[in-house]
C-alpha atoms as a PDB file:
ATOM      1  CA  MET A   1      18.256   2.958  -9.730  1.00  0.00           C
ATOM      2  CA  VAL A   2      19.427   2.505 -13.329  1.00  0.00           C
ATOM      3  CA  ALA A   3      20.595   6.123 -13.499  1.00  0.00           C
ATOM      4  CA  GLU A   4      22.599   5.743 -10.284  1.00  0.00           C
ATOM      5  CA  LEU A   5      24.269   2.558 -11.539  1.00  0.00           C
ATOM      6  CA  ALA A   6      25.163   4.218 -14.833  1.00  0.00           C
ATOM      7  CA  ALA A   7      26.699   7.174 -13.010  1.00  0.00           C
ATOM      8  CA  CYS A   8      28.732   4.864 -10.739  1.00  0.00           C
ATOM      9  CA  ALA A   9      30.009   2.907 -13.746  1.00  0.00           C
ATOM     10  CA  LEU A  10      31.040   6.133 -15.455  1.00  0.00           C
ATOM     11  CA  VAL A  11      32.889   7.292 -12.317  1.00  0.00           C
ATOM     12  CA  ILE A  12      34.931   4.059 -12.321  1.00  0.00           C
ATOM     13  CA  VAL A  13      35.825   4.482 -16.002  1.00  0.00           C
ATOM     14  CA  MET A  14      36.686   8.161 -15.463  1.00  0.00           C
ATOM     15  CA  LEU A  15      38.948   7.308 -12.519  1.00  0.00           C
ATOM     16  CA  GLY A  16      40.957   4.973 -14.735  1.00  0.00           C
ATOM     17  CA  ALA A  17      41.142   7.552 -17.529  1.00  0.00           C
ATOM     18  CA  GLU A  18      42.284  10.292 -15.154  1.00  0.00           C
ATOM     19  CA  TRP A  19      44.959   7.987 -13.720  1.00  0.00           C
ATOM     20  CA  LEU A  20      46.380   7.354 -17.207  1.00  0.00           C
ATOM     21  CA  HIS A  21      46.171  11.060 -18.017  1.00  0.00           C
ATOM     22  CA  ALA A  22      48.063  11.942 -14.817  1.00  0.00           C
ATOM     23  CA  ARG A  23      50.889   9.489 -15.705  1.00  0.00           C
ATOM     24  CA  ARG A  24      51.341  11.109 -19.116  1.00  0.00           C
ATOM     25  CA  CYS A  25      51.269  14.604 -17.631  1.00  0.00           C
ATOM     26  CA  ARG A  26      54.189  13.741 -15.305  1.00  0.00           C
ATOM     27  CA  ARG A  27      56.452  13.102 -18.307  1.00  0.00           C
ATOM     28  CA  LEU A  28      55.714  16.573 -19.699  1.00  0.00           C
ATOM     29  CA  ALA A  29      55.599  18.387 -16.351  1.00  0.00           C
ATOM     30  CA  TYR A  30      58.760  20.464 -17.082  1.00  0.00           C
ATOM     31  CA  LEU A  31      57.351  21.678 -20.389  1.00  0.00           C
ATOM     32  CA  ALA A  32      53.827  22.366 -19.080  1.00  0.00           C
ATOM     33  CA  PHE A  33      54.507  23.754 -15.590  1.00  0.00           C
ATOM     34  CA  GLY A  34      58.162  24.829 -15.596  1.00  0.00           C
ATOM     35  CA  PRO A  35      60.843  23.981 -13.046  1.00  0.00           C
ATOM     36  CA  THR A  36      58.321  23.444 -10.212  1.00  0.00           C
ATOM     37  CA  ARG A  37      56.567  20.698 -12.233  1.00  0.00           C
ATOM     38  CA  ARG A  38      53.318  21.646 -10.495  1.00  0.00           C
ATOM     39  CA  PRO A  39      50.180  23.394 -11.810  1.00  0.00           C
ATOM     40  CA  ALA A  40      48.235  26.092  -9.952  1.00  0.00           C
ATOM     41  CA  THR A  41      46.734  24.971  -6.654  1.00  0.00           C
ATOM     42  CA  TRP A  42      43.146  25.039  -7.889  1.00  0.00           C
ATOM     43  CA  ALA A  43      44.071  23.125 -11.065  1.00  0.00           C
ATOM     44  CA  ARG A  44      44.840  20.020  -8.986  1.00  0.00           C
ATOM     45  CA  LEU A  45      41.082  19.708  -8.531  1.00  0.00           C
ATOM     46  CA  ALA A  46      40.473  19.542 -12.287  1.00  0.00           C
ATOM     47  CA  PRO A  47      40.345  15.702 -12.421  1.00  0.00           C
ATOM     48  CA  LEU A  48      37.782  15.633  -9.621  1.00  0.00           C
ATOM     49  CA  LEU A  49      35.710  18.334 -11.324  1.00  0.00           C
ATOM     50  CA  ARG A  50      35.741  16.417 -14.598  1.00  0.00           C
ATOM     51  CA  ILE A  51      34.565  13.236 -12.876  1.00  0.00           C
ATOM     52  CA  ILE A  52      31.780  15.043 -10.987  1.00  0.00           C
ATOM     53  CA  ALA A  53      30.614  16.882 -14.128  1.00  0.00           C
ATOM     54  CA  ALA A  54      30.562  13.712 -16.224  1.00  0.00           C
ATOM     55  CA  ALA A  55      28.716  11.755 -13.508  1.00  0.00           C
ATOM     56  CA  ALA A  56      26.127  14.535 -13.124  1.00  0.00           C
ATOM     57  CA  MET A  57      25.477  14.635 -16.874  1.00  0.00           C
ATOM     58  CA  CYS A  58      25.242  10.849 -17.047  1.00  0.00           C
ATOM     59  CA  TRP A  59      22.769  10.635 -14.154  1.00  0.00           C
ATOM     60  CA  GLY A  60      20.676  13.500 -15.502  1.00  0.00           C
ATOM     61  CA  MET A  61      20.471  12.187 -19.059  1.00  0.00           C
ATOM     62  CA  VAL A  62      19.652   8.608 -18.070  1.00  0.00           C
ATOM     63  CA  THR A  63      17.018   9.898 -15.642  1.00  0.00           C
ATOM     64  CA  LEU A  64      15.377  12.032 -18.338  1.00  0.00           C
ATOM     65  CA  ILE A  65      15.387   9.092 -20.775  1.00  0.00           C
ATOM     66  CA  LEU A  66      13.632   6.822 -18.271  1.00  0.00           C
ATOM     67  CA  LEU A  67      11.035   9.345 -17.066  1.00  0.00           C
ATOM     68  CA  GLU A  68       7.747   9.695 -18.901  1.00  0.00           C
ATOM     69  CA  PRO A  69       7.502  12.816 -21.091  1.00  0.00           C
ATOM     70  CA  LYS A  70       5.897  15.823 -19.441  1.00  0.00           C
ATOM     71  CA  VAL A  71       3.428  17.780 -21.557  1.00  0.00           C
ATOM     72  CA  HIS A  72       2.941  21.498 -20.801  1.00  0.00           C
ATOM     73  CA  ARG A  73      -0.414  22.986 -21.706  1.00  0.00           C
ATOM     74  CA  GLY A  74      -0.364  26.675 -20.890  1.00  0.00           C
ATOM     75  CA  ASP A  75      -1.747  27.539 -17.475  1.00  0.00           C
ATOM     76  CA  GLU A  76      -3.311  24.115 -16.849  1.00  0.00           C
ATOM     77  CA  LEU A  77      -2.226  22.292 -13.716  1.00  0.00           C
ATOM     78  CA  PRO A  78      -2.121  18.578 -12.962  1.00  0.00           C
ATOM     79  CA  GLU A  79      -5.107  17.336 -11.008  1.00  0.00           C
ATOM     80  CA  SER A  80      -2.948  16.836  -7.914  1.00  0.00           C
ATOM     81  CA  GLU A  81      -1.919  20.512  -7.947  1.00  0.00           C
ATOM     82  CA  MET A  82      -5.371  22.026  -8.453  1.00  0.00           C
ATOM     83  CA  LYS A  83      -6.674  24.454  -5.844  1.00  0.00           C
ATOM     84  CA  HIS A  84     -10.199  24.385  -4.450  1.00  0.00           C
ATOM     85  CA  ALA A  85     -12.716  27.087  -3.570  1.00  0.00           C
ATOM     86  CA  VAL A  86     -15.802  26.273  -1.498  1.00  0.00           C
ATOM     87  CA  LEU A  87     -18.540  28.913  -1.568  1.00  0.00           C
ATOM     88  CA  VAL A  88     -20.873  28.771   1.435  1.00  0.00           C
ATOM     89  CA  LEU A  89     -23.827  30.835   0.193  1.00  0.00           C
ATOM     90  CA  ASP A  90     -26.589  32.132   2.450  1.00  0.00           C
ATOM     91  CA  VAL A  91     -29.867  31.618   0.533  1.00  0.00           C
ATOM     92  CA  SER A  92     -32.279  32.614   3.321  1.00  0.00           C
ATOM     93  CA  PRO A  93     -35.206  34.936   2.396  1.00  0.00           C
ATOM     94  CA  SER A  94     -33.390  37.908   3.973  1.00  0.00           C
ATOM     95  CA  MET A  95     -30.817  37.668   1.160  1.00  0.00           C
ATOM     96  CA  ARG A  96     -33.547  38.793  -1.272  1.00  0.00           C
ATOM     97  CA  LEU A  97     -34.007  42.189   0.404  1.00  0.00           C
ATOM     98  CA  GLN A  98     -33.028  45.086  -1.872  1.00  0.00           C
ATOM     99  CA  ASP A  99     -30.702  47.244   0.197  1.00  0.00           C
ATOM    100  CA  ALA A 100     -27.275  46.198  -1.138  1.00  0.00           C
ATOM    101  CA  GLY A 101     -24.723  47.635  -3.523  1.00  0.00           C
ATOM    102  CA  PRO A 102     -23.335  51.172  -3.814  1.00  0.00           C
ATOM    103  CA  SER A 103     -26.779  52.482  -4.786  1.00  0.00           C
ATOM    104  CA  ALA A 104     -28.664  50.281  -2.268  1.00  0.00           C
ATOM    105  CA  LEU A 105     -30.929  49.118  -5.125  1.00  0.00           C
ATOM    106  CA  GLN A 106     -29.613  45.575  -5.512  1.00  0.00           C
ATOM    107  CA  SER A 107     -30.776  42.516  -3.639  1.00  0.00           C
ATOM    108  CA  ARG A 108     -28.239  40.998  -1.288  1.00  0.00           C
ATOM    109  CA  MET A 109     -28.053  37.913  -3.479  1.00  0.00           C
ATOM    110  CA  GLN A 110     -27.323  40.044  -6.559  1.00  0.00           C
ATOM    111  CA  ARG A 111     -24.561  41.801  -4.655  1.00  0.00           C
ATOM    112  CA  ALA A 112     -23.122  38.422  -3.653  1.00  0.00           C
ATOM    113  CA  SER A 113     -23.152  37.441  -7.342  1.00  0.00           C
ATOM    114  CA  ASP A 114     -21.264  40.639  -8.283  1.00  0.00           C
ATOM    115  CA  VAL A 115     -18.611  40.076  -5.608  1.00  0.00           C
ATOM    116  CA  MET A 116     -18.029  36.477  -6.685  1.00  0.00           C
ATOM    117  CA  GLU A 117     -17.978  37.443 -10.382  1.00  0.00           C
ATOM    118  CA  SER A 118     -15.170  39.874  -9.561  1.00  0.00           C
ATOM    119  CA  PHE A 119     -13.348  37.020  -7.841  1.00  0.00           C
ATOM    120  CA  PHE A 120     -13.763  34.734 -10.871  1.00  0.00           C
ATOM    121  CA  LYS A 121     -12.408  37.367 -13.283  1.00  0.00           C
ATOM    122  CA  ARG A 122      -9.392  38.412 -11.202  1.00  0.00           C
ATOM    123  CA  VAL A 123      -7.928  35.015 -10.331  1.00  0.00           C
ATOM    124  CA  ALA A 124      -6.680  32.149 -12.513  1.00  0.00           C
ATOM    125  CA  ILE A 125     -10.017  30.395 -12.206  1.00  0.00           C
ATOM    126  CA  GLN A 126      -8.905  27.563 -14.539  1.00  0.00           C
ATOM    127  CA  GLN A 127      -6.617  26.435 -11.688  1.00  0.00           C
ATOM    128  CA  TYR A 128      -9.562  25.994  -9.296  1.00  0.00           C
ATOM    129  CA  ARG A 129     -12.178  23.358  -8.605  1.00  0.00           C
ATOM    130  CA  LEU A 130     -15.356  25.049  -7.348  1.00  0.00           C
ATOM    131  CA  SER A 131     -17.938  23.849  -4.839  1.00  0.00           C
ATOM    132  CA  VAL A 132     -21.126  25.568  -3.661  1.00  0.00           C
ATOM    133  CA  VAL A 133     -22.986  24.875  -0.410  1.00  0.00           C
ATOM    134  CA  ALA A 134     -26.424  26.497  -0.017  1.00  0.00           C
ATOM    135  CA  VAL A 135     -27.365  27.431   3.549  1.00  0.00           C
ATOM    136  CA  TYR A 136     -30.703  28.278   5.148  1.00  0.00           C
ATOM    137  CA  ASN A 137     -31.928  26.315   8.163  1.00  0.00           C
ATOM    138  CA  GLY A 138     -29.615  23.537   7.001  1.00  0.00           C
ATOM    139  CA  ALA A 139     -26.978  22.945   4.356  1.00  0.00           C
ATOM    140  CA  ILE A 140     -27.245  21.397   0.892  1.00  0.00           C
ATOM    141  CA  PRO A 141     -24.198  20.857  -1.363  1.00  0.00           C
ATOM    142  CA  VAL A 142     -25.356  22.186  -4.735  1.00  0.00           C
ATOM    143  CA  VAL A 143     -22.226  21.359  -6.725  1.00  0.00           C
ATOM    144  CA  VAL A 144     -18.948  19.776  -5.590  1.00  0.00           C
ATOM    145  CA  ASP A 145     -15.512  20.178  -7.183  1.00  0.00           C
ATOM    146  CA  THR A 146     -16.536  21.368 -10.633  1.00  0.00           C
ATOM    147  CA  ASN A 147     -14.286  23.095 -13.149  1.00  0.00           C
ATOM    148  CA  ASP A 148     -17.229  24.730 -14.934  1.00  0.00           C
ATOM    149  CA  VAL A 149     -17.499  28.275 -13.605  1.00  0.00           C
ATOM    150  CA  ASP A 150     -20.699  28.875 -15.589  1.00  0.00           C
ATOM    151  CA  VAL A 151     -22.489  26.356 -13.377  1.00  0.00           C
ATOM    152  CA  VAL A 152     -21.582  28.454 -10.344  1.00  0.00           C
ATOM    153  CA  ARG A 153     -22.619  31.652 -12.144  1.00  0.00           C
ATOM    154  CA  ASN A 154     -26.025  30.097 -12.804  1.00  0.00           C
ATOM    155  CA  ILE A 155     -26.404  29.250  -9.112  1.00  0.00           C
ATOM    156  CA  LEU A 156     -25.597  32.849  -8.194  1.00  0.00           C
ATOM    157  CA  SER A 157     -28.027  34.342 -10.725  1.00  0.00           C
ATOM    158  CA  ASP A 158     -30.838  34.900  -8.192  1.00  0.00           C
ATOM    159  CA  LEU A 159     -31.830  31.222  -8.177  1.00  0.00           C
ATOM    160  CA  PRO A 160     -34.624  30.764  -5.560  1.00  0.00           C
ATOM    161  CA  MET A 161     -32.831  28.021  -3.650  1.00  0.00           C
ATOM    162  CA  HIS A 162     -34.591  28.842  -0.355  1.00  0.00           C
ATOM    163  CA  TYR A 163     -37.557  26.822  -1.645  1.00  0.00           C
ATOM    164  CA  ALA A 164     -35.422  23.702  -1.244  1.00  0.00           C
ATOM    165  CA  PHE A 165     -35.563  24.177   2.545  1.00  0.00           C
ATOM    166  CA  VAL A 166     -38.317  24.109   5.115  1.00  0.00           C
ATOM    167  CA  ALA A 167     -38.933  27.609   6.470  1.00  0.00           C
ATOM    168  CA  GLY A 168     -37.054  28.229   9.682  1.00  0.00           C
ATOM    169  CA  LYS A 169     -34.134  29.991  11.322  1.00  0.00           C
ATOM    170  CA  THR A 170     -30.879  30.447   9.409  1.00  0.00           C
ATOM    171  CA  ASN A 171     -28.078  28.115  10.492  1.00  0.00           C
ATOM    172  CA  ILE A 172     -24.825  29.341   8.937  1.00  0.00           C
ATOM    173  CA  PHE A 173     -22.724  26.916  10.978  1.00  0.00           C
ATOM    174  CA  SER A 174     -24.306  23.941   9.219  1.00  0.00           C
ATOM    175  CA  GLY A 175     -22.951  25.299   5.939  1.00  0.00           C
ATOM    176  CA  LEU A 176     -19.460  25.643   7.415  1.00  0.00           C
ATOM    177  CA  GLU A 177     -19.664  22.066   8.700  1.00  0.00           C
ATOM    178  CA  GLU A 178     -20.645  20.848   5.236  1.00  0.00           C
ATOM    179  CA  ALA A 179     -17.758  22.829   3.679  1.00  0.00           C
ATOM    180  CA  ALA A 180     -15.348  21.234   6.169  1.00  0.00           C
ATOM    181  CA  ARG A 181     -16.676  17.774   5.287  1.00  0.00           C
ATOM    182  CA  ILE A 182     -16.227  18.402   1.545  1.00  0.00           C
ATOM    183  CA  ALA A 183     -12.706  19.806   1.937  1.00  0.00           C
ATOM    184  CA  ARG A 184     -11.385  17.187   4.366  1.00  0.00           C
ATOM    185  CA  PRO A 185      -9.939  14.747   1.731  1.00  0.00           C
ATOM    186  CA  TRP A 186      -7.967  17.425  -0.125  1.00  0.00           C
ATOM    187  CA  LYS A 187      -4.275  18.062   0.387  1.00  0.00           C
ATOM    188  CA  PRO A 188      -3.238  20.535   3.126  1.00  0.00           C
ATOM    189  CA  ARG A 189      -3.808  24.256   2.529  1.00  0.00           C
ATOM    190  CA  SER A 190      -5.180  23.755  -0.970  1.00  0.00           C
ATOM    191  CA  ALA A 191      -8.723  25.017  -0.305  1.00  0.00           C
ATOM    192  CA  THR A 192     -10.301  28.412   0.304  1.00  0.00           C
ATOM    193  CA  VAL A 193     -13.681  28.686   2.020  1.00  0.00           C
ATOM    194  CA  ILE A 194     -15.715  31.801   1.129  1.00  0.00           C
ATOM    195  CA  LEU A 195     -18.783  32.505   3.270  1.00  0.00           C
ATOM    196  CA  VAL A 196     -21.216  35.047   1.797  1.00  0.00           C
ATOM    197  CA  SER A 197     -24.008  36.107   4.128  1.00  0.00           C
ATOM    198  CA  ASP A 198     -25.805  39.084   5.651  1.00  0.00           C
ATOM    199  CA  GLY A 199     -25.024  37.730   9.112  1.00  0.00           C
ATOM    200  CA  ASP A 200     -28.669  37.706  10.165  1.00  0.00           C
ATOM    201  CA  THR A 201     -29.572  35.318  13.048  1.00  0.00           C
ATOM    202  CA  ILE A 202     -26.162  33.682  13.514  1.00  0.00           C
ATOM    203  CA  PRO A 203     -25.777  31.784  16.821  1.00  0.00           C
ATOM    204  CA  ALA A 204     -23.039  32.659  19.304  1.00  0.00           C
ATOM    205  CA  THR A 205     -21.823  29.067  19.846  1.00  0.00           C
ATOM    206  CA  GLY A 206     -21.181  25.902  17.867  1.00  0.00           C
ATOM    207  CA  MET A 207     -18.402  27.153  15.544  1.00  0.00           C
ATOM    208  CA  PRO A 208     -17.169  24.200  13.392  1.00  0.00           C
ATOM    209  CA  LYS A 209     -13.453  23.495  12.980  1.00  0.00           C
ATOM    210  CA  MET A 210     -11.890  23.634   9.537  1.00  0.00           C
ATOM    211  CA  PRO A 211      -9.663  20.709   8.408  1.00  0.00           C
ATOM    212  CA  ALA A 212      -5.986  21.055   7.456  1.00  0.00           C
ATOM    213  CA  SER A 213      -6.930  21.257   3.777  1.00  0.00           C
ATOM    214  CA  VAL A 214      -8.450  24.732   4.301  1.00  0.00           C
ATOM    215  CA  GLY A 215      -5.707  27.317   4.039  1.00  0.00           C
ATOM    216  CA  ASN A 216      -7.842  30.479   3.876  1.00  0.00           C
ATOM    217  CA  VAL A 217     -11.278  31.543   5.058  1.00  0.00           C
ATOM    218  CA  VAL A 218     -12.984  34.707   3.820  1.00  0.00           C
ATOM    219  CA  VAL A 219     -16.256  35.997   5.275  1.00  0.00           C
ATOM    220  CA  VAL A 220     -18.026  38.436   2.946  1.00  0.00           C
ATOM    221  CA  GLY A 221     -20.874  40.529   4.298  1.00  0.00           C
ATOM    222  CA  VAL A 222     -23.627  41.873   2.026  1.00  0.00           C
ATOM    223  CA  GLY A 223     -26.549  44.143   2.766  1.00  0.00           C
ATOM    224  CA  ASP A 224     -26.900  47.562   4.373  1.00  0.00           C
ATOM    225  CA  PRO A 225     -25.115  47.453   7.753  1.00  0.00           C
ATOM    226  CA  VAL A 226     -26.961  50.534   9.086  1.00  0.00           C
ATOM    227  CA  THR A 227     -30.569  50.787   7.903  1.00  0.00           C
ATOM    228  CA  GLY A 228     -31.386  47.368   6.457  1.00  0.00           C
ATOM    229  CA  GLY A 229     -34.934  46.296   5.629  1.00  0.00           C
ATOM    230  CA  PHE A 230     -37.963  44.606   7.174  1.00  0.00           C
ATOM    231  CA  ILE A 231     -38.799  40.923   6.772  1.00  0.00           C
ATOM    232  CA  ASP A 232     -41.040  38.647   8.793  1.00  0.00           C
ATOM    233  CA  GLY A 233     -42.030  41.522  11.079  1.00  0.00           C
ATOM    234  CA  ARG A 234     -38.470  42.490  12.084  1.00  0.00           C
ATOM    235  CA  GLN A 235     -35.598  44.583  10.801  1.00  0.00           C
ATOM    236  CA  SER A 236     -32.818  42.739   9.001  1.00  0.00           C
ATOM    237  CA  ARG A 237     -29.423  44.249   8.241  1.00  0.00           C
ATOM    238  CA  GLN A 238     -25.847  43.098   7.754  1.00  0.00           C
ATOM    239  CA  ASP A 239     -24.482  42.074  11.155  1.00  0.00           C
ATOM    240  CA  THR A 240     -20.849  43.094  10.592  1.00  0.00           C
ATOM    241  CA  SER A 241     -19.765  42.455  14.184  1.00  0.00           C
ATOM    242  CA  THR A 242     -20.985  38.840  14.126  1.00  0.00           C
ATOM    243  CA  LEU A 243     -19.497  38.166  10.695  1.00  0.00           C
ATOM    244  CA  ARG A 244     -16.174  39.660  11.774  1.00  0.00           C
ATOM    245  CA  GLN A 245     -16.245  37.450  14.876  1.00  0.00           C
ATOM    246  CA  ILE A 246     -16.815  34.363  12.703  1.00  0.00           C
ATOM    247  CA  ALA A 247     -13.828  35.307  10.551  1.00  0.00           C
ATOM    248  CA  VAL A 248     -11.616  35.774  13.616  1.00  0.00           C
ATOM    249  CA  ARG A 249     -12.685  32.462  15.172  1.00  0.00           C
ATOM    250  CA  LEU A 250     -11.957  30.652  11.891  1.00  0.00           C
ATOM    251  CA  GLY A 251      -8.586  32.381  11.503  1.00  0.00           C
ATOM    252  CA  GLY A 252      -9.760  34.112   8.337  1.00  0.00           C
ATOM    253  CA  THR A 253     -10.536  37.575   6.981  1.00  0.00           C
ATOM    254  CA  PHE A 254     -13.727  39.614   7.023  1.00  0.00           C
ATOM    255  CA  HIS A 255     -14.648  41.827   4.073  1.00  0.00           C
ATOM    256  CA  ASN A 256     -17.642  44.138   3.834  1.00  0.00           C
ATOM    257  CA  GLY A 257     -18.682  43.472   0.263  1.00  0.00           C
ATOM    258  CA  ASN A 258     -21.751  45.690   0.292  1.00  0.00           C
ATOM    259  CA  GLU A 259     -19.997  48.442  -1.671  1.00  0.00           C
ATOM    260  CA  ASN A 260     -16.474  47.179  -2.498  1.00  0.00           C
ATOM    261  CA  HIS A 261     -15.195  44.064  -4.199  1.00  0.00           C
ATOM    262  CA  LEU A 262     -12.442  41.913  -2.708  1.00  0.00           C
ATOM    263  CA  SER A 263      -9.191  43.874  -2.512  1.00  0.00           C
ATOM    264  CA  THR A 264      -6.162  43.001  -4.626  1.00  0.00           C
ATOM    265  CA  GLY A 265      -4.088  42.300  -1.515  1.00  0.00           C
ATOM    266  CA  LEU A 266      -6.673  39.829  -0.257  1.00  0.00           C
ATOM    267  CA  LEU A 267      -6.823  38.075  -3.638  1.00  0.00           C
ATOM    268  CA  ASN A 268      -3.024  37.776  -3.701  1.00  0.00           C
ATOM    269  CA  LYS A 269      -3.177  36.127  -0.287  1.00  0.00           C
ATOM    270  CA  LEU A 270      -5.887  33.711  -1.410  1.00  0.00           C
ATOM    271  CA  THR A 271      -4.141  32.655  -4.616  1.00  0.00           C
ATOM    272  CA  LYS A 272      -0.867  31.687  -2.985  1.00  0.00           C
ATOM    273  CA  THR A 273      -0.065  28.001  -3.273  1.00  0.00           C
ATOM    274  CA  GLY A 274      -0.035  25.745  -0.278  1.00  0.00           C
ATOM    275  CA  THR A 275       3.631  24.730  -0.595  1.00  0.00           C
ATOM    276  CA  SER A 276       6.023  26.775   1.487  1.00  0.00           C
ATOM    277  CA  SER A 277       8.803  27.217  -1.099  1.00  0.00           C
ATOM    278  CA  LYS A 278       9.688  26.584  -4.737  1.00  0.00           C
ATOM    279  CA  LEU A 279      12.455  24.207  -3.673  1.00  0.00           C
ATOM    280  CA  GLU A 280       9.905  21.770  -2.249  1.00  0.00           C
ATOM    281  CA  GLN A 281       8.140  21.646  -5.615  1.00  0.00           C
ATOM    282  CA  LEU A 282      11.207  20.336  -7.481  1.00  0.00           C
ATOM    283  CA  THR A 283      10.834  16.790  -8.753  1.00  0.00           C
ATOM    284  CA  ARG A 284      13.331  14.225 -10.048  1.00  0.00           C
ATOM    285  CA  ARG A 285      12.919  15.711 -13.527  1.00  0.00           C
ATOM    286  CA  GLU A 286      13.997  19.190 -12.405  1.00  0.00           C
ATOM    287  CA  TYR A 287      16.992  17.799 -10.502  1.00  0.00           C
ATOM    288  CA  ALA A 288      18.030  15.859 -13.617  1.00  0.00           C
ATOM    289  CA  LEU A 289      17.858  19.019 -15.731  1.00  0.00           C
ATOM    290  CA  ILE A 290      19.922  20.923 -13.153  1.00  0.00           C
ATOM    291  CA  CYS A 291      22.584  18.181 -13.132  1.00  0.00           C
ATOM    292  CA  CYS A 292      22.773  18.163 -16.935  1.00  0.00           C
ATOM    293  CA  GLY A 293      23.111  21.933 -17.097  1.00  0.00           C
ATOM    294  CA  LEU A 294      25.729  22.274 -14.350  1.00  0.00           C
ATOM    295  CA  GLY A 295      27.733  19.277 -15.551  1.00  0.00           C
ATOM    296  CA  ALA A 296      27.837  20.545 -19.128  1.00  0.00           C
ATOM    297  CA  MET A 297      28.818  24.047 -17.994  1.00  0.00           C
ATOM    298  CA  ILE A 298      31.705  22.765 -15.849  1.00  0.00           C
ATOM    299  CA  TYR A 299      32.931  20.438 -18.592  1.00  0.00           C
ATOM    300  CA  ALA A 300      32.836  23.239 -21.185  1.00  0.00           C
ATOM    301  CA  LEU A 301      34.537  25.936 -19.079  1.00  0.00           C
ATOM    302  CA  LEU A 302      37.269  23.781 -17.524  1.00  0.00           C
ATOM    303  CA  PRO A 303      39.591  23.669 -20.607  1.00  0.00           C
ATOM    304  CA  PHE A 304      39.563  27.477 -20.908  1.00  0.00           C
ATOM    305  CA  LEU A 305      40.266  27.927 -17.209  1.00  0.00           C
ATOM    306  CA  LEU A 306      43.141  25.444 -17.337  1.00  0.00           C
ATOM    307  CA  HIS A 307      44.598  27.162 -20.419  1.00  0.00           C
ATOM    308  CA  TYR A 308      44.616  30.674 -18.955  1.00  0.00           C
ATOM    309  CA  LEU A 309      44.838  30.050 -15.210  1.00  0.00           C
ATOM    310  CA  GLY A 310      46.270  26.558 -14.923  1.00  0.00           C
ATOM    311  CA  THR A 311      49.881  27.624 -14.223  1.00  0.00           C
ATOM    312  CA  ARG A 312      51.879  30.764 -13.459  1.00  0.00           C
ATOM    313  CA  TRP A 313      54.801  29.693 -15.577  1.00  0.00           C
ATOM    314  CA  ASN A 314      55.015  31.549 -18.897  1.00  0.00           C
ATOM    315  CA  PRO A 315      57.664  30.003 -21.157  1.00  0.00           C
ATOM    316  CA  GLY A 316      59.583  32.078 -23.703  1.00  0.00           C
ATOM    317  CA  VAL A 317      61.183  35.556 -23.615  1.00  0.00           C
ATOM    318  CA  PRO A 318      59.045  38.284 -22.027  1.00  0.00           C
ATOM    319  CA  ARG A 319      57.810  40.910 -24.466  1.00  0.00           C
ATOM    320  CA  GLN A 320      59.675  43.834 -22.883  1.00  0.00           C
ATOM    321  CA  GLU A 321      63.005  41.974 -22.949  1.00  0.00           C
ATOM    322  CA  ALA A 322      62.418  40.950 -26.562  1.00  0.00           C
ATOM    323  CA  VAL A 323      61.789  44.564 -27.592  1.00  0.00           C
ATOM    324  CA  SER A 324      64.911  45.847 -25.801  1.00  0.00           C
ATOM    325  CA  SER A 325      67.108  43.078 -27.273  1.00  0.00           C
ATOM    326  CA  ARG A 326      65.779  43.836 -30.744  1.00  0.00           C
ATOM    327  CA  ALA A 327      66.612  47.536 -30.290  1.00  0.00           C
ATOM    328  CA  ASN A 328      70.152  46.707 -29.084  1.00  0.00           C
ATOM    329  CA  SER A 329      70.778  44.464 -32.091  1.00  0.00           C
ATOM    330  CA  GLN A 330      69.584  47.167 -34.455  1.00  0.00           C
ATOM    331  CA  ARG A 331      71.806  49.713 -32.747  1.00  0.00           C
ATOM    332  CA  GLN A 332      74.808  47.384 -32.983  1.00  0.00           C
ATOM    333  CA  GLN A 333      74.132  46.782 -36.675  1.00  0.00           C
ATOM    334  CA  GLY A 334      74.001  50.553 -37.234  1.00  0.00           C
ATOM    335  CA  GLU A 335      77.322  51.098 -35.492  1.00  0.00           C
ATOM    336  CA  GLY A 336      78.905  48.290 -37.534  1.00  0.00           C
ATOM    337  CA  SER A 337      77.741  49.854 -40.808  1.00  0.00           C
ATOM    338  CA  ALA A 338      79.163  53.235 -39.774  1.00  0.00           C
ATOM    339  CA  LEU A 339      82.582  51.741 -39.047  1.00  0.00           C
ATOM    340  CA  ILE A 340      82.641  49.964 -42.405  1.00  0.00           C
ATOM    341  CA  SER A 341      81.813  53.202 -44.255  1.00  0.00           C
ATOM    342  CA  LYS A 342      84.706  55.006 -42.530  1.00  0.00           C
END
């Protein structure tokens, strides 16, 4: 409010100054603008432009003085602008089968670790808060909203987390429900949920609904989708059709991570901010800087524009007429000298 009052006060003072300036200009109108006594059409707006430019600079400067200083520290973001990534990790015993990776010699959990390590290295991970939810026949939040990526790497390093559960049937949907509960308080479209699983024994119903804070969902499948391996007297392999169906029902993307890491296009989609445009991110500070810059530019350029384009009247003798008159006088002087010599 102080900045607005200062700008209004300056406008009143500028109106009085422009009124006095206009009175003085009327006395010299013949000399400045010629017989018409009027400047160029656009130049009549010069007083208004001066008042607007001065008011903009005044408001911007007072606003910047009153605002608290903003400290920039490289790529760090304020806590309110941080993004979130929630990893829903399948830790069932089938994830320990060794049929994953390009050579089919890795365990599915090791392949999941490689895929997530690629994600950590290819995004600005310092702008993320990370959460991990372990899933077997239930869901356990292992870590919530941490900025220490090494903690997540330790969780992914073949940690036998299935011992924390009672043996039973895998319930992936419980992990998605826990991820939705964790992400619910965050601001809209600021979170990405990444489900890593082999898709074994996923039910056909009971899909949880993601809150508004979840902007992207990625379902990553690991394990051999063709041959697979045997566990508990049955064959287990990556169920790509079920995982793809989960991704579609959640409005997300499915990626077969058994041989390939997340694509660059997918990472670009995931790392986009939740705000729809840069204009919506402008604060009072940015508007004050814009007003100062535009006001100063107008105030600096206006005198030059008025000098060169303020009027069409050009007092004095035109150059071409001056040259011709000078030549005539010289010719007349030459003829006079010739007559005297005769």
